[in-house]
Structure formats: C-alpha cells, structure tokens
Amino acid sequence: MGVFLINRDLEGFLDSRKIRVEVVTGTYTGYKIPATALVLNEEGEGVYIIERGKRLFKPVEIVTQNENDIIVTGLKLGDKILLNKRRSIWFD
C-alpha cells in the first residue's frame, strides 16, 4: 500500500499512463532538532540544554540529517534544548 502526497500542480498527470516516481524508504528513531542547535566542541557533538536553570552541554549521536534538521539520540523527554539566546525546544 502506498500514499502519495502531491503538493503542486502536475500538468497532465491524470492523462499520463506512465510517470516516474522516486520512493524513499527508511525509518529513523530519535528526536528531530534543527541543524542549527547542534554544537561541536571539545566534548564532541551535542546540544545545550537547560537543567535546573543552568546551561549544560549534552552529547548526542546523529542518526541522520538533511540541510535543515537532524535526528539524534541521547536526549530524553523533558530536555529543553537551546536554539539560540531567545528560543528553545521542550520535548514532552
């Protein structure tokens, strides 16, 4: 079974008997964070979280990534990730 989402008008799509499609398969487990939240320092790759009012570095492992987002392991529910000085993400 397959589901196809078309988010733009494909002129002549319904009149075509053949159409080229690309099927991407794969599943990943982890937390999706913005690529800009990832920090590389002397401790390795990780993110900064807020815990008990303090900024702490938390190492993460990259599972997969694209130009905008990264799926990582090493976080837990309740971690509040710093994106920049004014924004954060809370996993709950």
Protein backbone atom coordinates (compact mmCIF):
# COMPACT_ATOMS: atom_id res chain seq x y z
CA MET A 1 0.00 0.00 0.00
CA GLY A 2 1.27 3.46 -0.76
CA VAL A 3 0.20 7.01 -0.18
CA PHE A 4 1.37 9.80 -2.45
CA LEU A 5 1.22 13.45 -1.47
CA ILE A 6 1.38 15.90 -4.34
CA ASN A 7 1.86 19.45 -3.15
CA ARG A 8 1.98 21.12 -6.54
CA ASP A 9 0.02 21.01 -9.79
CA LEU A 10 1.43 18.42 -12.17
CA GLU A 11 0.02 19.39 -15.54
CA GLY A 12 -1.08 16.34 -17.49
CA PHE A 13 -0.61 13.98 -14.54
CA LEU A 14 -4.04 12.41 -14.87
CA ASP A 15 -3.62 11.93 -18.62
CA SER A 16 -0.29 10.08 -18.28
CA ARG A 17 -0.10 6.32 -18.37
CA LYS A 18 3.43 6.31 -17.03
CA ILE A 19 5.06 8.64 -14.60
CA ARG A 20 8.48 8.48 -13.00
CA VAL A 21 8.43 8.43 -9.20
CA GLU A 22 11.08 8.12 -6.55
CA VAL A 23 10.24 6.04 -3.49
CA VAL A 24 12.28 6.78 -0.42
CA THR A 25 12.22 4.13 2.28
CA GLY A 26 13.69 4.03 5.71
CA THR A 27 12.77 4.72 9.28
CA TYR A 28 14.72 6.50 11.96
CA THR A 29 14.29 6.68 15.69
CA GLY A 30 15.30 9.69 17.72
CA TYR A 31 14.48 13.34 18.26
CA LYS A 32 14.27 15.77 15.37
CA ILE A 33 16.08 19.03 16.11
CA PRO A 34 17.06 21.98 13.93
CA ALA A 35 20.54 21.60 12.47
CA THR A 36 21.43 24.97 13.97
CA ALA A 37 21.00 23.54 17.51
CA LEU A 38 23.94 21.15 17.06
CA VAL A 39 27.18 22.27 18.70
CA LEU A 40 30.67 20.87 18.09
CA ASN A 41 33.13 21.48 20.92
CA GLU A 42 35.98 19.69 22.69
CA GLU A 43 33.47 17.22 24.17
CA GLY A 44 32.15 16.26 20.73
CA GLU A 45 28.78 16.80 19.04
CA GLY A 46 25.90 17.79 21.24
CA VAL A 47 23.35 20.38 22.22
CA TYR A 48 22.99 22.81 25.07
CA ILE A 49 20.08 22.13 27.39
CA ILE A 50 18.63 24.00 30.35
CA GLU A 51 18.59 21.92 33.51
CA ARG A 52 17.74 23.42 36.91
CA GLY A 53 18.19 26.90 35.45
CA LYS A 54 21.70 26.21 34.13
CA ARG A 55 23.02 25.72 30.61
CA LEU A 56 24.60 22.27 30.21
CA PHE A 57 26.24 20.58 27.22
CA LYS A 58 24.63 17.21 26.39
CA PRO A 59 26.36 14.89 23.89
CA VAL A 60 24.14 13.41 21.16
CA GLU A 61 24.63 10.92 18.36
CA ILE A 62 23.47 11.87 14.87
CA VAL A 63 21.20 9.23 13.31
CA THR A 64 20.50 11.10 10.06
CA GLN A 65 20.29 14.65 8.82
CA ASN A 66 19.34 16.93 5.97
CA GLU A 67 20.13 20.58 5.36
CA ASN A 68 17.61 21.81 7.96
CA ASP A 69 17.05 19.08 10.54
CA ILE A 70 18.91 16.35 12.40
CA ILE A 71 17.58 13.22 14.07
CA VAL A 72 19.61 12.45 17.17
CA THR A 73 19.72 10.04 20.08
CA GLY A 74 20.94 10.91 23.55
CA LEU A 75 18.07 13.19 24.54
CA LYS A 76 15.17 12.38 26.81
CA LEU A 77 11.63 13.62 27.32
CA GLY A 78 11.72 16.86 29.23
CA ASP A 79 15.05 18.08 27.82
CA LYS A 80 14.84 21.76 26.94
CA ILE A 81 17.23 22.45 24.06
CA LEU A 82 18.65 25.91 23.48
CA LEU A 83 18.35 27.01 19.87
CA ASN A 84 19.78 30.46 20.48
CA LYS A 85 19.71 33.04 23.26
CA ARG A 86 15.95 33.59 22.96
CA ARG A 87 14.46 30.29 21.77
CA SER A 88 14.33 26.72 22.99
CA ILE A 89 12.54 23.42 22.28
CA TRP A 90 10.97 21.37 25.04
CA PHE A 91 10.49 17.63 24.44
CA ASP A 92 7.41 16.30 26.24
